[in-house]
Amino acid sequence: MKTVKILIKKKKGCEDLPIPRYATSGSSGMDLYADIDGELIILPGEIKLISSGIYLSIPEGYEAEIRPRSGLALKHGISLVNTPGTIDSDYRGLLSIILINHGKDPFMVRRGDRIAQMVIKEVIRAEVEVTEDLDETMRASGGFGHTGK
């Protein structure tokens, strides 16, 4: 398995929060934790920006994808507005998570709750070239739903 070193700096006052880590040897995502004072309620339909309490240094050629936690999505309707979120290798600001409550009930976030997961991905850069013609395919320009259910 390939590994890459990601440097993490904790925000002042977040020494009590765990650093991102894999829950199991087969996990592809590392848990991210809520950096809030006490508790925060997210009402149905509401969007909240929640700090994870960390800053990252990701090597060039990699990104961090921020994804919802499946348990929160299934049990409470909690997801991310921009999923997956992308943390670029040159970003050094505070890593914050944009949570949304798609559920029917208010959702409480407490300090240290696992609120999202972070997957480190290799980035491939595209070389864009303008052309007059594109190659033909079976689908051609068939759009949304054109292949049926």
N, C-alpha and C. Protein backbone atom coordinates (compact mmCIF):
# COMPACT_ATOMS: atom_id res chain seq x y z
N MET A 1 0.85 -1.18 0.00
CA MET A 1 0.00 0.00 0.00
C MET A 1 0.89 1.24 0.00
N LYS A 2 0.58 2.18 -0.86
CA LYS A 2 1.34 3.42 -0.97
C LYS A 2 0.99 4.35 0.19
N THR A 3 1.97 5.07 0.72
CA THR A 3 1.71 6.05 1.77
C THR A 3 2.32 7.39 1.38
N VAL A 4 1.79 8.44 1.97
CA VAL A 4 2.30 9.79 1.76
C VAL A 4 2.20 10.50 3.11
N LYS A 5 3.18 11.34 3.42
CA LYS A 5 3.20 12.04 4.70
C LYS A 5 2.39 13.33 4.59
N ILE A 6 1.42 13.49 5.49
CA ILE A 6 0.60 14.69 5.59
C ILE A 6 0.94 15.34 6.93
N LEU A 7 1.35 16.59 6.90
CA LEU A 7 1.66 17.30 8.14
C LEU A 7 0.39 17.97 8.66
N ILE A 8 0.18 17.88 9.97
CA ILE A 8 -1.01 18.45 10.60
C ILE A 8 -0.58 19.37 11.73
N LYS A 9 -1.18 20.55 11.75
CA LYS A 9 -0.97 21.49 12.84
C LYS A 9 -2.32 21.68 13.52
N LYS A 10 -2.33 21.57 14.85
CA LYS A 10 -3.58 21.79 15.58
C LYS A 10 -3.79 23.27 15.86
N LYS A 11 -5.03 23.69 15.75
CA LYS A 11 -5.41 25.05 16.11
C LYS A 11 -5.23 25.22 17.62
N LYS A 12 -4.81 26.41 18.03
CA LYS A 12 -4.66 26.68 19.45
C LYS A 12 -5.99 26.42 20.16
N GLY A 13 -5.95 25.71 21.25
CA GLY A 13 -7.16 25.37 22.00
C GLY A 13 -7.78 24.04 21.58
N CYS A 14 -7.15 23.35 20.62
CA CYS A 14 -7.70 22.06 20.13
C CYS A 14 -6.82 20.88 20.53
N GLU A 15 -6.00 21.08 21.54
CA GLU A 15 -5.10 20.00 21.97
C GLU A 15 -5.88 18.77 22.45
N ASP A 16 -7.11 18.97 22.89
CA ASP A 16 -7.93 17.85 23.38
C ASP A 16 -8.53 17.00 22.27
N LEU A 17 -8.55 17.52 21.05
CA LEU A 17 -9.18 16.78 19.94
C LEU A 17 -8.20 15.78 19.35
N PRO A 18 -8.68 14.58 18.98
CA PRO A 18 -7.80 13.61 18.32
C PRO A 18 -7.35 14.12 16.96
N ILE A 19 -6.18 13.66 16.53
CA ILE A 19 -5.77 13.97 15.16
C ILE A 19 -6.50 13.00 14.24
N PRO A 20 -6.65 13.36 12.96
CA PRO A 20 -7.30 12.43 12.03
C PRO A 20 -6.59 11.09 12.03
N ARG A 21 -7.37 10.02 12.01
CA ARG A 21 -6.79 8.68 12.02
C ARG A 21 -7.77 7.70 11.39
N TYR A 22 -7.19 6.60 10.92
CA TYR A 22 -7.99 5.53 10.33
C TYR A 22 -8.57 4.67 11.45
N ALA A 23 -9.85 4.37 11.39
CA ALA A 23 -10.52 3.58 12.42
C ALA A 23 -10.10 2.11 12.37
N THR A 24 -9.85 1.60 11.16
CA THR A 24 -9.44 0.20 11.00
C THR A 24 -8.33 0.12 9.97
N SER A 25 -7.70 -1.04 9.87
CA SER A 25 -6.61 -1.20 8.90
C SER A 25 -7.13 -1.14 7.46
N GLY A 26 -8.40 -1.37 7.24
CA GLY A 26 -8.97 -1.31 5.90
C GLY A 26 -9.66 -0.01 5.57
N SER A 27 -9.67 0.94 6.50
CA SER A 27 -10.34 2.23 6.26
C SER A 27 -9.59 3.04 5.21
N SER A 28 -10.33 3.67 4.31
CA SER A 28 -9.71 4.57 3.34
C SER A 28 -9.82 6.01 3.78
N GLY A 29 -10.73 6.30 4.70
CA GLY A 29 -10.92 7.66 5.20
C GLY A 29 -10.53 7.79 6.65
N MET A 30 -9.98 8.95 7.00
CA MET A 30 -9.63 9.29 8.38
C MET A 30 -10.74 10.15 8.95
N ASP A 31 -11.11 9.88 10.18
CA ASP A 31 -12.16 10.66 10.83
C ASP A 31 -11.69 12.08 11.13
N LEU A 32 -12.61 13.04 10.96
CA LEU A 32 -12.38 14.43 11.34
C LEU A 32 -13.34 14.76 12.47
N TYR A 33 -12.89 15.61 13.39
CA TYR A 33 -13.62 15.85 14.64
C TYR A 33 -14.07 17.30 14.75
N ALA A 34 -15.20 17.51 15.43
CA ALA A 34 -15.79 18.84 15.56
C ALA A 34 -15.05 19.68 16.58
N ASP A 35 -14.59 20.83 16.13
CA ASP A 35 -13.96 21.82 17.01
C ASP A 35 -15.01 22.90 17.29
N ILE A 36 -15.85 22.63 18.28
CA ILE A 36 -16.85 23.61 18.69
C ILE A 36 -16.80 23.72 20.21
N ASP A 37 -17.30 24.82 20.72
CA ASP A 37 -17.42 24.98 22.16
C ASP A 37 -18.75 24.40 22.59
N GLY A 38 -18.70 23.34 23.37
CA GLY A 38 -19.93 22.74 23.88
C GLY A 38 -20.71 21.99 22.82
N GLU A 39 -21.91 22.51 22.52
CA GLU A 39 -22.82 21.84 21.58
C GLU A 39 -23.33 22.83 20.54
N LEU A 40 -23.73 22.29 19.40
CA LEU A 40 -24.29 23.10 18.31
C LEU A 40 -25.45 22.31 17.71
N ILE A 41 -26.59 22.97 17.52
CA ILE A 41 -27.76 22.34 16.92
C ILE A 41 -27.82 22.74 15.45
N ILE A 42 -28.01 21.76 14.56
CA ILE A 42 -28.25 22.02 13.14
C ILE A 42 -29.70 21.64 12.87
N LEU A 43 -30.50 22.64 12.56
CA LEU A 43 -31.92 22.41 12.31
C LEU A 43 -32.12 21.78 10.94
N PRO A 44 -33.25 21.10 10.70
CA PRO A 44 -33.53 20.54 9.38
C PRO A 44 -33.42 21.61 8.30
N GLY A 45 -32.68 21.31 7.24
CA GLY A 45 -32.47 22.24 6.14
C GLY A 45 -31.37 23.26 6.39
N GLU A 46 -30.81 23.28 7.56
CA GLU A 46 -29.80 24.28 7.91
C GLU A 46 -28.39 23.82 7.53
N ILE A 47 -27.55 24.79 7.20
CA ILE A 47 -26.14 24.56 6.83
C ILE A 47 -25.27 25.25 7.87
N LYS A 48 -24.26 24.54 8.36
CA LYS A 48 -23.33 25.11 9.34
C LYS A 48 -21.90 24.80 8.94
N LEU A 49 -21.02 25.77 9.13
CA LEU A 49 -19.59 25.59 8.92
C LEU A 49 -18.97 25.24 10.26
N ILE A 50 -18.32 24.08 10.32
CA ILE A 50 -17.76 23.59 11.58
C ILE A 50 -16.26 23.34 11.40
N SER A 51 -15.49 23.96 12.27
CA SER A 51 -14.04 23.79 12.26
C SER A 51 -13.67 22.36 12.68
N SER A 52 -12.62 21.84 12.04
CA SER A 52 -12.07 20.55 12.47
C SER A 52 -10.89 20.76 13.42
N GLY A 53 -10.47 22.01 13.59
CA GLY A 53 -9.39 22.32 14.52
C GLY A 53 -8.00 22.00 14.02
N ILE A 54 -7.86 21.76 12.71
CA ILE A 54 -6.54 21.42 12.17
C ILE A 54 -6.24 22.19 10.89
N TYR A 55 -4.96 22.29 10.62
CA TYR A 55 -4.42 22.82 9.37
C TYR A 55 -3.59 21.70 8.74
N LEU A 56 -3.57 21.63 7.43
CA LEU A 56 -2.87 20.55 6.74
C LEU A 56 -1.76 21.08 5.83
N SER A 57 -0.75 20.26 5.65
CA SER A 57 0.24 20.47 4.60
C SER A 57 0.26 19.19 3.79
N ILE A 58 -0.35 19.27 2.61
CA ILE A 58 -0.47 18.11 1.71
C ILE A 58 0.56 18.27 0.61
N PRO A 59 1.34 17.24 0.32
CA PRO A 59 2.35 17.37 -0.74
C PRO A 59 1.72 17.63 -2.11
N GLU A 60 2.43 18.37 -2.94
CA GLU A 60 1.97 18.61 -4.31
C GLU A 60 1.77 17.27 -5.00
N GLY A 61 0.71 17.18 -5.78
CA GLY A 61 0.38 15.93 -6.45
C GLY A 61 -0.68 15.13 -5.70
N TYR A 62 -1.13 15.67 -4.56
CA TYR A 62 -2.16 15.01 -3.75
C TYR A 62 -3.22 16.03 -3.36
N GLU A 63 -4.35 15.54 -2.92
CA GLU A 63 -5.43 16.36 -2.38
C GLU A 63 -6.05 15.58 -1.23
N ALA A 64 -6.82 16.27 -0.42
CA ALA A 64 -7.66 15.61 0.59
C ALA A 64 -9.10 15.79 0.14
N GLU A 65 -9.83 14.68 0.04
CA GLU A 65 -11.26 14.74 -0.25
C GLU A 65 -12.00 14.61 1.07
N ILE A 66 -12.92 15.51 1.32
CA ILE A 66 -13.72 15.49 2.54
C ILE A 66 -15.09 14.92 2.18
N ARG A 67 -15.45 13.86 2.88
CA ARG A 67 -16.67 13.12 2.55
C ARG A 67 -17.58 12.97 3.76
N PRO A 68 -18.87 12.76 3.53
CA PRO A 68 -19.79 12.53 4.65
C PRO A 68 -19.48 11.20 5.34
N ARG A 69 -19.92 11.08 6.56
CA ARG A 69 -19.85 9.81 7.27
C ARG A 69 -21.18 9.08 7.00
N SER A 70 -21.09 7.84 6.56
CA SER A 70 -22.29 7.11 6.15
C SER A 70 -23.28 6.92 7.29
N GLY A 71 -22.80 6.70 8.50
CA GLY A 71 -23.69 6.52 9.65
C GLY A 71 -24.50 7.76 9.94
N LEU A 72 -23.86 8.93 9.87
CA LEU A 72 -24.60 10.19 10.09
C LEU A 72 -25.62 10.43 8.99
N ALA A 73 -25.26 10.06 7.77
CA ALA A 73 -26.18 10.24 6.64
C ALA A 73 -27.40 9.34 6.80
N LEU A 74 -27.18 8.07 7.10
CA LEU A 74 -28.28 7.12 7.21
C LEU A 74 -29.18 7.39 8.41
N LYS A 75 -28.57 7.61 9.57
CA LYS A 75 -29.35 7.73 10.81
C LYS A 75 -29.95 9.11 11.02
N HIS A 76 -29.29 10.17 10.50
CA HIS A 76 -29.73 11.53 10.82
C HIS A 76 -29.90 12.44 9.60
N GLY A 77 -29.54 11.98 8.40
CA GLY A 77 -29.64 12.83 7.21
C GLY A 77 -28.57 13.90 7.15
N ILE A 78 -27.45 13.71 7.85
CA ILE A 78 -26.37 14.69 7.89
C ILE A 78 -25.39 14.40 6.76
N SER A 79 -25.11 15.43 5.97
CA SER A 79 -24.20 15.28 4.84
C SER A 79 -23.36 16.53 4.71
N LEU A 80 -22.61 16.60 3.63
CA LEU A 80 -21.81 17.77 3.31
C LEU A 80 -22.45 18.47 2.12
N VAL A 81 -22.42 19.79 2.12
CA VAL A 81 -23.02 20.54 1.02
C VAL A 81 -22.22 20.31 -0.26
N ASN A 82 -20.93 20.35 -0.16
CA ASN A 82 -20.07 20.14 -1.34
C ASN A 82 -19.32 18.83 -1.15
N THR A 83 -19.95 17.76 -1.56
CA THR A 83 -19.33 16.46 -1.34
C THR A 83 -18.94 15.81 -2.65
N PRO A 84 -17.72 15.35 -2.83
CA PRO A 84 -16.67 15.55 -1.83
C PRO A 84 -16.10 16.95 -1.90
N GLY A 85 -15.72 17.46 -0.74
CA GLY A 85 -14.99 18.73 -0.69
C GLY A 85 -13.54 18.45 -1.03
N THR A 86 -12.88 19.41 -1.62
CA THR A 86 -11.48 19.24 -2.02
C THR A 86 -10.59 20.19 -1.24
N ILE A 87 -9.55 19.65 -0.63
CA ILE A 87 -8.52 20.46 0.01
C ILE A 87 -7.28 20.33 -0.86
N ASP A 88 -6.92 21.42 -1.53
CA ASP A 88 -5.78 21.42 -2.44
C ASP A 88 -4.46 21.40 -1.68
N SER A 89 -3.42 20.95 -2.37
CA SER A 89 -2.10 20.82 -1.75
C SER A 89 -1.51 22.16 -1.33
N ASP A 90 -1.96 23.26 -1.90
CA ASP A 90 -1.39 24.57 -1.54
C ASP A 90 -2.25 25.34 -0.55
N TYR A 91 -3.33 24.72 -0.02
CA TYR A 91 -4.18 25.38 0.98
C TYR A 91 -3.59 25.16 2.37
N ARG A 92 -3.44 26.22 3.14
CA ARG A 92 -2.90 26.12 4.49
C ARG A 92 -3.83 26.69 5.55
N GLY A 93 -5.05 26.99 5.18
CA GLY A 93 -6.00 27.54 6.15
C GLY A 93 -6.64 26.47 7.01
N LEU A 94 -7.47 26.92 7.94
CA LEU A 94 -8.18 26.03 8.85
C LEU A 94 -9.11 25.12 8.05
N LEU A 95 -9.06 23.83 8.32
CA LEU A 95 -9.93 22.86 7.65
C LEU A 95 -11.29 22.89 8.34
N SER A 96 -12.30 23.36 7.62
CA SER A 96 -13.65 23.43 8.16
C SER A 96 -14.59 22.63 7.27
N ILE A 97 -15.64 22.13 7.87
CA ILE A 97 -16.57 21.21 7.22
C ILE A 97 -17.92 21.90 7.08
N ILE A 98 -18.52 21.84 5.87
CA ILE A 98 -19.83 22.44 5.63
C ILE A 98 -20.89 21.34 5.76
N LEU A 99 -21.50 21.25 6.94
CA LEU A 99 -22.52 20.23 7.20
C LEU A 99 -23.90 20.76 6.85
N ILE A 100 -24.76 19.85 6.40
CA ILE A 100 -26.17 20.17 6.15
C ILE A 100 -27.04 19.07 6.77
N ASN A 101 -28.16 19.49 7.32
CA ASN A 101 -29.11 18.55 7.91
C ASN A 101 -30.24 18.32 6.92
N HIS A 102 -30.21 17.19 6.23
CA HIS A 102 -31.29 16.79 5.33
C HIS A 102 -32.38 16.02 6.07
N GLY A 103 -32.16 15.79 7.36
CA GLY A 103 -33.09 14.99 8.15
C GLY A 103 -34.33 15.76 8.55
N LYS A 104 -35.19 15.10 9.32
CA LYS A 104 -36.45 15.69 9.77
C LYS A 104 -36.35 16.30 11.16
N ASP A 105 -35.28 15.97 11.88
CA ASP A 105 -35.14 16.42 13.26
C ASP A 105 -33.88 17.26 13.42
N PRO A 106 -33.87 18.15 14.43
CA PRO A 106 -32.64 18.86 14.74
C PRO A 106 -31.53 17.87 15.08
N PHE A 107 -30.29 18.22 14.73
CA PHE A 107 -29.15 17.34 14.99
C PHE A 107 -28.14 18.08 15.85
N MET A 108 -27.72 17.43 16.94
CA MET A 108 -26.77 18.05 17.85
C MET A 108 -25.35 17.57 17.57
N VAL A 109 -24.45 18.54 17.42
CA VAL A 109 -23.02 18.25 17.27
C VAL A 109 -22.35 18.67 18.57
N ARG A 110 -21.53 17.77 19.12
CA ARG A 110 -20.79 18.06 20.35
C ARG A 110 -19.30 18.12 20.04
N ARG A 111 -18.58 18.82 20.86
CA ARG A 111 -17.14 18.91 20.69
C ARG A 111 -16.54 17.51 20.63
N GLY A 112 -15.70 17.28 19.62
CA GLY A 112 -15.03 16.00 19.48
C GLY A 112 -15.81 14.95 18.72
N ASP A 113 -17.06 15.25 18.32
CA ASP A 113 -17.83 14.29 17.50
C ASP A 113 -17.13 14.10 16.16
N ARG A 114 -17.22 12.89 15.63
CA ARG A 114 -16.72 12.61 14.28
C ARG A 114 -17.76 13.15 13.30
N ILE A 115 -17.36 14.11 12.46
CA ILE A 115 -18.33 14.79 11.60
C ILE A 115 -18.13 14.54 10.11
N ALA A 116 -16.98 14.04 9.73
CA ALA A 116 -16.69 13.80 8.32
C ALA A 116 -15.49 12.88 8.23
N GLN A 117 -15.15 12.50 7.01
CA GLN A 117 -13.94 11.71 6.82
C GLN A 117 -13.10 12.33 5.71
N MET A 118 -11.81 12.10 5.81
CA MET A 118 -10.86 12.68 4.86
C MET A 118 -10.11 11.55 4.17
N VAL A 119 -10.14 11.57 2.85
CA VAL A 119 -9.45 10.58 2.03
C VAL A 119 -8.36 11.31 1.25
N ILE A 120 -7.14 10.80 1.33
CA ILE A 120 -6.03 11.40 0.59
C ILE A 120 -5.96 10.73 -0.78
N LYS A 121 -5.96 11.55 -1.83
CA LYS A 121 -5.99 11.04 -3.19
C LYS A 121 -4.85 11.64 -4.01
N GLU A 122 -4.33 10.82 -4.93
CA GLU A 122 -3.35 11.31 -5.88
C GLU A 122 -4.09 12.11 -6.95
N VAL A 123 -3.47 13.19 -7.41
CA VAL A 123 -4.09 14.07 -8.40
C VAL A 123 -3.41 13.85 -9.75
N ILE A 124 -4.22 13.73 -10.78
CA ILE A 124 -3.71 13.65 -12.15
C ILE A 124 -4.12 14.94 -12.84
N ARG A 125 -3.18 15.64 -13.41
CA ARG A 125 -3.45 16.91 -14.11
C ARG A 125 -3.78 16.62 -15.56
N ALA A 126 -4.82 17.26 -16.06
CA ALA A 126 -5.23 17.10 -17.46
C ALA A 126 -4.50 18.10 -18.34
N GLU A 127 -4.16 17.68 -19.52
CA GLU A 127 -3.62 18.57 -20.54
C GLU A 127 -4.76 18.83 -21.52
N VAL A 128 -5.25 20.05 -21.56
CA VAL A 128 -6.42 20.40 -22.36
C VAL A 128 -5.97 20.87 -23.74
N GLU A 129 -6.65 20.33 -24.76
CA GLU A 129 -6.35 20.70 -26.14
C GLU A 129 -7.66 20.96 -26.86
N VAL A 130 -7.77 22.08 -27.54
CA VAL A 130 -8.97 22.44 -28.30
C VAL A 130 -8.90 21.75 -29.66
N THR A 131 -10.03 21.17 -30.09
CA THR A 131 -10.11 20.48 -31.37
C THR A 131 -11.44 20.81 -32.05
N GLU A 132 -11.51 20.58 -33.35
CA GLU A 132 -12.76 20.79 -34.09
C GLU A 132 -13.69 19.59 -34.00
N ASP A 133 -13.13 18.39 -33.82
CA ASP A 133 -13.93 17.16 -33.81
C ASP A 133 -13.54 16.29 -32.63
N LEU A 134 -14.53 15.54 -32.14
CA LEU A 134 -14.30 14.56 -31.07
C LEU A 134 -14.55 13.17 -31.63
N ASP A 135 -13.97 12.17 -30.98
CA ASP A 135 -14.17 10.80 -31.43
C ASP A 135 -15.64 10.39 -31.21
N GLU A 136 -16.11 9.46 -32.01
CA GLU A 136 -17.49 8.98 -31.93
C GLU A 136 -17.60 7.89 -30.87
N THR A 137 -18.75 7.87 -30.17
CA THR A 137 -19.04 6.81 -29.20
C THR A 137 -20.47 6.33 -29.42
N MET A 138 -20.82 5.19 -28.82
CA MET A 138 -22.17 4.67 -28.92
C MET A 138 -23.18 5.63 -28.30
N ARG A 139 -22.82 6.23 -27.20
CA ARG A 139 -23.73 7.13 -26.48
C ARG A 139 -23.87 8.47 -27.20
N ALA A 140 -22.82 8.94 -27.79
CA ALA A 140 -22.80 10.23 -28.48
C ALA A 140 -23.20 11.35 -27.52
N SER A 141 -24.27 12.12 -27.86
CA SER A 141 -24.66 13.25 -27.02
C SER A 141 -25.88 12.94 -26.15
N GLY A 142 -26.22 11.65 -25.98
CA GLY A 142 -27.36 11.28 -25.12
C GLY A 142 -27.13 11.80 -23.72
N GLY A 143 -28.10 12.50 -23.16
CA GLY A 143 -27.95 13.17 -21.87
C GLY A 143 -28.59 12.42 -20.73
N PHE A 144 -29.02 13.18 -19.75
CA PHE A 144 -29.57 12.65 -18.51
C PHE A 144 -30.68 11.65 -18.76
N GLY A 145 -30.52 10.44 -18.22
CA GLY A 145 -31.55 9.42 -18.29
C GLY A 145 -31.75 8.78 -19.64
N HIS A 146 -30.89 9.04 -20.59
CA HIS A 146 -31.13 8.53 -21.94
C HIS A 146 -30.93 7.03 -22.05
N THR A 147 -30.25 6.41 -21.07
CA THR A 147 -30.05 4.96 -21.12
C THR A 147 -31.14 4.21 -20.36
N GLY A 148 -32.12 4.91 -19.80
CA GLY A 148 -33.24 4.27 -19.11
C GLY A 148 -32.97 4.09 -17.64
N LYS A 149 -33.84 3.30 -16.99
CA LYS A 149 -33.73 3.06 -15.54
C LYS A 149 -32.68 2.05 -15.25
